[in-house]
Amino acid sequence: MSYPCFYFPSFFFVTEAVRGRSPAAAAARLRAQFWPAYRVGLVAWTPAMIVQFYWVPLPLQVLWVSACSFCWTTFLCVYHI
């Protein structure tokens, strides 16, 4: 499951780099926010994937996941998780 192993670290490190903070600050923020963000991610992505596999036609699945990913990233940015 690459989501918590690659997405969260890259999100937090890039976000902190854009804000001009150090990698140590990014690591501290990642440690503090990992579990809350992971729990919210499970609540958001589990239903999204269920909808995708049961109701979204195959040609539209990439569009569906892209839209869900956009919403998820916007949520992370707006609520500073």
PDB file of N, CA and C in Angstrom:
ATOM      1  N   MET A   1       0.851  -1.175   0.000  1.00  0.00           N
ATOM      2  CA  MET A   1       0.000   0.000   0.000  1.00  0.00           C
ATOM      3  C   MET A   1       0.894   1.234   0.000  1.00  0.00           C
ATOM      4  N   SER A   2       1.038   1.835  -1.148  1.00  0.00           N
ATOM      5  CA  SER A   2       1.964   2.959  -1.298  1.00  0.00           C
ATOM      6  C   SER A   2       1.411   4.257  -0.736  1.00  0.00           C
ATOM      7  N   TYR A   3       0.122   4.305  -0.526  1.00  0.00           N
ATOM      8  CA  TYR A   3      -0.523   5.530  -0.069  1.00  0.00           C
ATOM      9  C   TYR A   3       0.100   6.097   1.203  1.00  0.00           C
ATOM     10  N   PRO A   4       0.188   5.366   2.310  1.00  0.00           N
ATOM     11  CA  PRO A   4       0.800   5.967   3.500  1.00  0.00           C
ATOM     12  C   PRO A   4       2.328   6.002   3.432  1.00  0.00           C
ATOM     13  N   CYS A   5       2.928   5.124   2.664  1.00  0.00           N
ATOM     14  CA  CYS A   5       4.390   5.036   2.641  1.00  0.00           C
ATOM     15  C   CYS A   5       5.035   6.071   1.731  1.00  0.00           C
ATOM     16  N   PHE A   6       4.372   6.453   0.649  1.00  0.00           N
ATOM     17  CA  PHE A   6       4.971   7.370  -0.308  1.00  0.00           C
ATOM     18  C   PHE A   6       4.220   8.692  -0.422  1.00  0.00           C
ATOM     19  N   TYR A   7       2.891   8.645  -0.409  1.00  0.00           N
ATOM     20  CA  TYR A   7       2.115   9.863  -0.615  1.00  0.00           C
ATOM     21  C   TYR A   7       2.248  10.821   0.565  1.00  0.00           C
ATOM     22  N   PHE A   8       2.038  10.339   1.776  1.00  0.00           N
ATOM     23  CA  PHE A   8       2.105  11.227   2.936  1.00  0.00           C
ATOM     24  C   PHE A   8       3.481  11.862   3.102  1.00  0.00           C
ATOM     25  N   PRO A   9       4.573  11.093   3.100  1.00  0.00           N
ATOM     26  CA  PRO A   9       5.869  11.760   3.234  1.00  0.00           C
ATOM     27  C   PRO A   9       6.123  12.786   2.128  1.00  0.00           C
ATOM     28  N   SER A  10       5.799  12.427   0.890  1.00  0.00           N
ATOM     29  CA  SER A  10       6.043  13.379  -0.198  1.00  0.00           C
ATOM     30  C   SER A  10       5.161  14.609  -0.048  1.00  0.00           C
ATOM     31  N   PHE A  11       3.905  14.435   0.355  1.00  0.00           N
ATOM     32  CA  PHE A  11       3.010  15.576   0.550  1.00  0.00           C
ATOM     33  C   PHE A  11       3.551  16.512   1.624  1.00  0.00           C
ATOM     34  N   PHE A  12       3.914  15.963   2.775  1.00  0.00           N
ATOM     35  CA  PHE A  12       4.366  16.804   3.872  1.00  0.00           C
ATOM     36  C   PHE A  12       5.720  17.449   3.575  1.00  0.00           C
ATOM     37  N   PHE A  13       6.643  16.720   2.969  1.00  0.00           N
ATOM     38  CA  PHE A  13       7.953  17.292   2.671  1.00  0.00           C
ATOM     39  C   PHE A  13       7.861  18.377   1.605  1.00  0.00           C
ATOM     40  N   VAL A  14       7.073  18.171   0.570  1.00  0.00           N
ATOM     41  CA  VAL A  14       6.921  19.199  -0.463  1.00  0.00           C
ATOM     42  C   VAL A  14       6.192  20.414   0.104  1.00  0.00           C
ATOM     43  N   THR A  15       5.141  20.189   0.879  1.00  0.00           N
ATOM     44  CA  THR A  15       4.399  21.293   1.470  1.00  0.00           C
ATOM     45  C   THR A  15       5.301  22.151   2.356  1.00  0.00           C
ATOM     46  N   GLU A  16       6.090  21.506   3.192  1.00  0.00           N
ATOM     47  CA  GLU A  16       6.983  22.254   4.077  1.00  0.00           C
ATOM     48  C   GLU A  16       8.107  22.927   3.294  1.00  0.00           C
ATOM     49  N   ALA A  17       8.582  22.306   2.236  1.00  0.00           N
ATOM     50  CA  ALA A  17       9.627  22.929   1.405  1.00  0.00           C
ATOM     51  C   ALA A  17       9.091  24.187   0.730  1.00  0.00           C
ATOM     52  N   VAL A  18       7.863  24.134   0.245  1.00  0.00           N
ATOM     53  CA  VAL A  18       7.255  25.300  -0.386  1.00  0.00           C
ATOM     54  C   VAL A  18       7.081  26.428   0.640  1.00  0.00           C
ATOM     55  N   ARG A  19       6.822  26.078   1.864  1.00  0.00           N
ATOM     56  CA  ARG A  19       6.678  27.078   2.924  1.00  0.00           C
ATOM     57  C   ARG A  19       8.021  27.577   3.441  1.00  0.00           C
ATOM     58  N   GLY A  20       9.109  27.016   2.932  1.00  0.00           N
ATOM     59  CA  GLY A  20      10.432  27.463   3.324  1.00  0.00           C
ATOM     60  C   GLY A  20      10.928  26.867   4.627  1.00  0.00           C
ATOM     61  N   ARG A  21      10.380  25.760   5.030  1.00  0.00           N
ATOM     62  CA  ARG A  21      10.782  25.120   6.277  1.00  0.00           C
ATOM     63  C   ARG A  21      11.764  23.989   6.003  1.00  0.00           C
ATOM     64  N   SER A  22      12.418  23.551   7.039  1.00  0.00           N
ATOM     65  CA  SER A  22      13.464  22.535   6.911  1.00  0.00           C
ATOM     66  C   SER A  22      12.876  21.132   6.799  1.00  0.00           C
ATOM     67  N   PRO A  23      13.675  20.182   6.310  1.00  0.00           N
ATOM     68  CA  PRO A  23      13.228  18.784   6.299  1.00  0.00           C
ATOM     69  C   PRO A  23      12.924  18.259   7.705  1.00  0.00           C
ATOM     70  N   ALA A  24      13.633  18.764   8.704  1.00  0.00           N
ATOM     71  CA  ALA A  24      13.349  18.339  10.081  1.00  0.00           C
ATOM     72  C   ALA A  24      11.955  18.789  10.517  1.00  0.00           C
ATOM     73  N   ALA A  25      11.559  19.985  10.109  1.00  0.00           N
ATOM     74  CA  ALA A  25      10.209  20.467  10.418  1.00  0.00           C
ATOM     75  C   ALA A  25       9.162  19.624   9.692  1.00  0.00           C
ATOM     76  N   ALA A  26       9.464  19.244   8.452  1.00  0.00           N
ATOM     77  CA  ALA A  26       8.548  18.394   7.705  1.00  0.00           C
ATOM     78  C   ALA A  26       8.414  17.030   8.359  1.00  0.00           C
ATOM     79  N   ALA A  27       9.529  16.475   8.821  1.00  0.00           N
ATOM     80  CA  ALA A  27       9.479  15.173   9.497  1.00  0.00           C
ATOM     81  C   ALA A  27       8.685  15.261  10.791  1.00  0.00           C
ATOM     82  N   ALA A  28       8.845  16.350  11.524  1.00  0.00           N
ATOM     83  CA  ALA A  28       8.086  16.528  12.765  1.00  0.00           C
ATOM     84  C   ALA A  28       6.592  16.652  12.468  1.00  0.00           C
ATOM     85  N   ARG A  29       6.248  17.392  11.426  1.00  0.00           N
ATOM     86  CA  ARG A  29       4.836  17.524  11.050  1.00  0.00           C
ATOM     87  C   ARG A  29       4.267  16.195  10.573  1.00  0.00           C
ATOM     88  N   LEU A  30       5.066  15.439   9.840  1.00  0.00           N
ATOM     89  CA  LEU A  30       4.626  14.118   9.389  1.00  0.00           C
ATOM     90  C   LEU A  30       4.347  13.205  10.577  1.00  0.00           C
ATOM     91  N   ARG A  31       5.254  13.199  11.553  1.00  0.00           N
ATOM     92  CA  ARG A  31       5.042  12.366  12.745  1.00  0.00           C
ATOM     93  C   ARG A  31       3.793  12.786  13.511  1.00  0.00           C
ATOM     94  N   ALA A  32       3.549  14.089  13.583  1.00  0.00           N
ATOM     95  CA  ALA A  32       2.398  14.581  14.345  1.00  0.00           C
ATOM     96  C   ALA A  32       1.080  14.341  13.618  1.00  0.00           C
ATOM     97  N   GLN A  33       1.098  14.406  12.288  1.00  0.00           N
ATOM     98  CA  GLN A  33      -0.148  14.349  11.527  1.00  0.00           C
ATOM     99  C   GLN A  33      -0.405  13.043  10.806  1.00  0.00           C
ATOM    100  N   PHE A  34       0.508  12.090  10.876  1.00  0.00           N
ATOM    101  CA  PHE A  34       0.356  10.864  10.093  1.00  0.00           C
ATOM    102  C   PHE A  34      -0.921  10.114  10.445  1.00  0.00           C
ATOM    103  N   TRP A  35      -1.122   9.770  11.703  1.00  0.00           N
ATOM    104  CA  TRP A  35      -2.275   8.942  12.070  1.00  0.00           C
ATOM    105  C   TRP A  35      -3.611   9.646  11.877  1.00  0.00           C
ATOM    106  N   PRO A  36      -3.754  10.933  12.239  1.00  0.00           N
ATOM    107  CA  PRO A  36      -5.030  11.585  11.922  1.00  0.00           C
ATOM    108  C   PRO A  36      -5.327  11.613  10.420  1.00  0.00           C
ATOM    109  N   ALA A  37      -4.318  11.925   9.615  1.00  0.00           N
ATOM    110  CA  ALA A  37      -4.520  11.962   8.166  1.00  0.00           C
ATOM    111  C   ALA A  37      -4.800  10.569   7.614  1.00  0.00           C
ATOM    112  N   TYR A  38      -4.150   9.573   8.153  1.00  0.00           N
ATOM    113  CA  TYR A  38      -4.358   8.198   7.690  1.00  0.00           C
ATOM    114  C   TYR A  38      -5.786   7.736   7.991  1.00  0.00           C
ATOM    115  N   ARG A  39      -6.273   8.045   9.181  1.00  0.00           N
ATOM    116  CA  ARG A  39      -7.649   7.661   9.534  1.00  0.00           C
ATOM    117  C   ARG A  39      -8.660   8.355   8.625  1.00  0.00           C
ATOM    118  N   VAL A  40      -8.464   9.647   8.383  1.00  0.00           N
ATOM    119  CA  VAL A  40      -9.363  10.370   7.480  1.00  0.00           C
ATOM    120  C   VAL A  40      -9.261   9.798   6.074  1.00  0.00           C
ATOM    121  N   GLY A  41      -8.063   9.429   5.674  1.00  0.00           N
ATOM    122  CA  GLY A  41      -7.875   8.832   4.357  1.00  0.00           C
ATOM    123  C   GLY A  41      -8.613   7.519   4.194  1.00  0.00           C
ATOM    124  N   LEU A  42      -8.602   6.707   5.240  1.00  0.00           N
ATOM    125  CA  LEU A  42      -9.358   5.448   5.178  1.00  0.00           C
ATOM    126  C   LEU A  42     -10.850   5.708   5.032  1.00  0.00           C
ATOM    127  N   VAL A  43     -11.343   6.705   5.743  1.00  0.00           N
ATOM    128  CA  VAL A  43     -12.768   7.047   5.662  1.00  0.00           C
ATOM    129  C   VAL A  43     -13.114   7.596   4.275  1.00  0.00           C
ATOM    130  N   ALA A  44     -12.200   8.330   3.673  1.00  0.00           N
ATOM    131  CA  ALA A  44     -12.478   8.931   2.365  1.00  0.00           C
ATOM    132  C   ALA A  44     -12.249   7.964   1.215  1.00  0.00           C
ATOM    133  N   TRP A  45     -11.134   7.233   1.233  1.00  0.00           N
ATOM    134  CA  TRP A  45     -10.757   6.416   0.085  1.00  0.00           C
ATOM    135  C   TRP A  45     -11.465   5.075   0.021  1.00  0.00           C
ATOM    136  N   THR A  46     -11.846   4.515   1.141  1.00  0.00           N
ATOM    137  CA  THR A  46     -12.541   3.219   1.104  1.00  0.00           C
ATOM    138  C   THR A  46     -13.868   3.325   0.350  1.00  0.00           C
ATOM    139  N   PRO A  47     -14.741   4.282   0.692  1.00  0.00           N
ATOM    140  CA  PRO A  47     -15.978   4.412  -0.103  1.00  0.00           C
ATOM    141  C   PRO A  47     -15.713   4.803  -1.557  1.00  0.00           C
ATOM    142  N   ALA A  48     -14.693   5.637  -1.785  1.00  0.00           N
ATOM    143  CA  ALA A  48     -14.384   6.036  -3.168  1.00  0.00           C
ATOM    144  C   ALA A  48     -13.999   4.824  -4.010  1.00  0.00           C
ATOM    145  N   MET A  49     -13.226   3.915  -3.448  1.00  0.00           N
ATOM    146  CA  MET A  49     -12.815   2.727  -4.194  1.00  0.00           C
ATOM    147  C   MET A  49     -13.971   1.740  -4.358  1.00  0.00           C
ATOM    148  N   ILE A  50     -14.842   1.654  -3.354  1.00  0.00           N
ATOM    149  CA  ILE A  50     -16.025   0.796  -3.490  1.00  0.00           C
ATOM    150  C   ILE A  50     -16.901   1.301  -4.628  1.00  0.00           C
ATOM    151  N   VAL A  51     -17.129   2.612  -4.661  1.00  0.00           N
ATOM    152  CA  VAL A  51     -17.925   3.195  -5.750  1.00  0.00           C
ATOM    153  C   VAL A  51     -17.237   2.932  -7.093  1.00  0.00           C
ATOM    154  N   GLN A  52     -15.935   3.106  -7.132  1.00  0.00           N
ATOM    155  CA  GLN A  52     -15.212   2.895  -8.387  1.00  0.00           C
ATOM    156  C   GLN A  52     -15.396   1.478  -8.912  1.00  0.00           C
ATOM    157  N   PHE A  53     -15.174   0.492  -8.087  1.00  0.00           N
ATOM    158  CA  PHE A  53     -15.184  -0.886  -8.575  1.00  0.00           C
ATOM    159  C   PHE A  53     -16.578  -1.432  -8.814  1.00  0.00           C
ATOM    160  N   TYR A  54     -17.590  -0.877  -8.143  1.00  0.00           N
ATOM    161  CA  TYR A  54     -18.940  -1.399  -8.330  1.00  0.00           C
ATOM    162  C   TYR A  54     -19.763  -0.618  -9.351  1.00  0.00           C
ATOM    163  N   TRP A  55     -19.575   0.699  -9.448  1.00  0.00           N
ATOM    164  CA  TRP A  55     -20.491   1.479 -10.251  1.00  0.00           C
ATOM    165  C   TRP A  55     -19.862   2.315 -11.362  1.00  0.00           C
ATOM    166  N   VAL A  56     -18.598   2.614 -11.294  1.00  0.00           N
ATOM    167  CA  VAL A  56     -17.975   3.456 -12.320  1.00  0.00           C
ATOM    168  C   VAL A  56     -17.535   2.568 -13.487  1.00  0.00           C
ATOM    169  N   PRO A  57     -17.981   2.877 -14.698  1.00  0.00           N
ATOM    170  CA  PRO A  57     -17.572   2.080 -15.859  1.00  0.00           C
ATOM    171  C   PRO A  57     -16.055   2.159 -16.078  1.00  0.00           C
ATOM    172  N   LEU A  58     -15.508   1.114 -16.610  1.00  0.00           N
ATOM    173  CA  LEU A  58     -14.063   1.007 -16.796  1.00  0.00           C
ATOM    174  C   LEU A  58     -13.451   2.208 -17.518  1.00  0.00           C
ATOM    175  N   PRO A  59     -14.024   2.708 -18.601  1.00  0.00           N
ATOM    176  CA  PRO A  59     -13.394   3.848 -19.281  1.00  0.00           C
ATOM    177  C   PRO A  59     -13.356   5.133 -18.440  1.00  0.00           C
ATOM    178  N   LEU A  60     -14.182   5.217 -17.398  1.00  0.00           N
ATOM    179  CA  LEU A  60     -14.234   6.428 -16.575  1.00  0.00           C
ATOM    180  C   LEU A  60     -13.513   6.285 -15.242  1.00  0.00           C
ATOM    181  N   GLN A  61     -12.883   5.139 -14.978  1.00  0.00           N
ATOM    182  CA  GLN A  61     -12.268   4.921 -13.677  1.00  0.00           C
ATOM    183  C   GLN A  61     -11.067   5.829 -13.431  1.00  0.00           C
ATOM    184  N   VAL A  62     -10.275   6.100 -14.437  1.00  0.00           N
ATOM    185  CA  VAL A  62      -9.128   7.001 -14.259  1.00  0.00           C
ATOM    186  C   VAL A  62      -9.632   8.406 -13.921  1.00  0.00           C
ATOM    187  N   LEU A  63     -10.668   8.858 -14.599  1.00  0.00           N
ATOM    188  CA  LEU A  63     -11.252  10.161 -14.313  1.00  0.00           C
ATOM    189  C   LEU A  63     -11.800  10.205 -12.889  1.00  0.00           C
ATOM    190  N   TRP A  64     -12.465   9.141 -12.465  1.00  0.00           N
ATOM    191  CA  TRP A  64     -13.023   9.060 -11.116  1.00  0.00           C
ATOM    192  C   TRP A  64     -11.922   9.155 -10.058  1.00  0.00           C
ATOM    193  N   VAL A  65     -10.875   8.375 -10.207  1.00  0.00           N
ATOM    194  CA  VAL A  65      -9.792   8.384  -9.221  1.00  0.00           C
ATOM    195  C   VAL A  65      -9.069   9.730  -9.242  1.00  0.00           C
ATOM    196  N   SER A  66      -8.915  10.325 -10.403  1.00  0.00           N
ATOM    197  CA  SER A  66      -8.287  11.642 -10.484  1.00  0.00           C
ATOM    198  C   SER A  66      -9.125  12.692  -9.769  1.00  0.00           C
ATOM    199  N   ALA A  67     -10.421  12.641  -9.938  1.00  0.00           N
ATOM    200  CA  ALA A  67     -11.304  13.590  -9.251  1.00  0.00           C
ATOM    201  C   ALA A  67     -11.251  13.376  -7.739  1.00  0.00           C
ATOM    202  N   CYS A  68     -11.265  12.123  -7.317  1.00  0.00           N
ATOM    203  CA  CYS A  68     -11.172  11.825  -5.880  1.00  0.00           C
ATOM    204  C   CYS A  68      -9.833  12.283  -5.317  1.00  0.00           C
ATOM    205  N   SER A  69      -8.767  12.080  -6.061  1.00  0.00           N
ATOM    206  CA  SER A  69      -7.447  12.498  -5.630  1.00  0.00           C
ATOM    207  C   SER A  69      -7.360  14.016  -5.526  1.00  0.00           C
ATOM    208  N   PHE A  70      -7.942  14.715  -6.477  1.00  0.00           N
ATOM    209  CA  PHE A  70      -7.971  16.172  -6.426  1.00  0.00           C
ATOM    210  C   PHE A  70      -8.706  16.647  -5.173  1.00  0.00           C
ATOM    211  N   CYS A  71      -9.863  16.058  -4.901  1.00  0.00           N
ATOM    212  CA  CYS A  71     -10.630  16.422  -3.702  1.00  0.00           C
ATOM    213  C   CYS A  71      -9.847  16.112  -2.433  1.00  0.00           C
ATOM    214  N   TRP A  72      -9.179  14.962  -2.396  1.00  0.00           N
ATOM    215  CA  TRP A  72      -8.397  14.566  -1.227  1.00  0.00           C
ATOM    216  C   TRP A  72      -7.235  15.533  -0.997  1.00  0.00           C
ATOM    217  N   THR A  73      -6.509  15.884  -2.035  1.00  0.00           N
ATOM    218  CA  THR A  73      -5.384  16.800  -1.892  1.00  0.00           C
ATOM    219  C   THR A  73      -5.866  18.185  -1.479  1.00  0.00           C
ATOM    220  N   THR A  74      -6.983  18.622  -2.037  1.00  0.00           N
ATOM    221  CA  THR A  74      -7.558  19.901  -1.630  1.00  0.00           C
ATOM    222  C   THR A  74      -7.951  19.871  -0.158  1.00  0.00           C
ATOM    223  N   PHE A  75      -8.544  18.775   0.279  1.00  0.00           N
ATOM    224  CA  PHE A  75      -8.908  18.627   1.691  1.00  0.00           C
ATOM    225  C   PHE A  75      -7.674  18.726   2.580  1.00  0.00           C
ATOM    226  N   LEU A  76      -6.597  18.035   2.210  1.00  0.00           N
ATOM    227  CA  LEU A  76      -5.379  18.092   3.006  1.00  0.00           C
ATOM    228  C   LEU A  76      -4.815  19.502   3.084  1.00  0.00           C
ATOM    229  N   CYS A  77      -4.870  20.209   1.968  1.00  0.00           N
ATOM    230  CA  CYS A  77      -4.336  21.588   1.953  1.00  0.00           C
ATOM    231  C   CYS A  77      -5.208  22.555   2.733  1.00  0.00           C
ATOM    232  N   VAL A  78      -6.505  22.445   2.581  1.00  0.00           N
ATOM    233  CA  VAL A  78      -7.408  23.385   3.243  1.00  0.00           C
ATOM    234  C   VAL A  78      -7.439  23.176   4.749  1.00  0.00           C
ATOM    235  N   TYR A  79      -7.492  21.932   5.180  1.00  0.00           N
ATOM    236  CA  TYR A  79      -7.605  21.658   6.603  1.00  0.00           C
ATOM    237  C   TYR A  79      -6.265  21.420   7.284  1.00  0.00           C
ATOM    238  N   HIS A  80      -5.165  21.622   6.565  1.00  0.00           N
ATOM    239  CA  HIS A  80      -3.804  21.566   7.123  1.00  0.00           C
ATOM    240  C   HIS A  80      -3.523  20.296   7.886  1.00  0.00           C
ATOM    241  N   ILE A  81      -3.974  19.202   7.358  1.00  0.00           N
ATOM    242  CA  ILE A  81      -3.679  17.919   8.001  1.00  0.00           C
ATOM    243  C   ILE A  81      -2.267  17.540   7.667  1.00  0.00           C
TER     244      ILE A  81
END
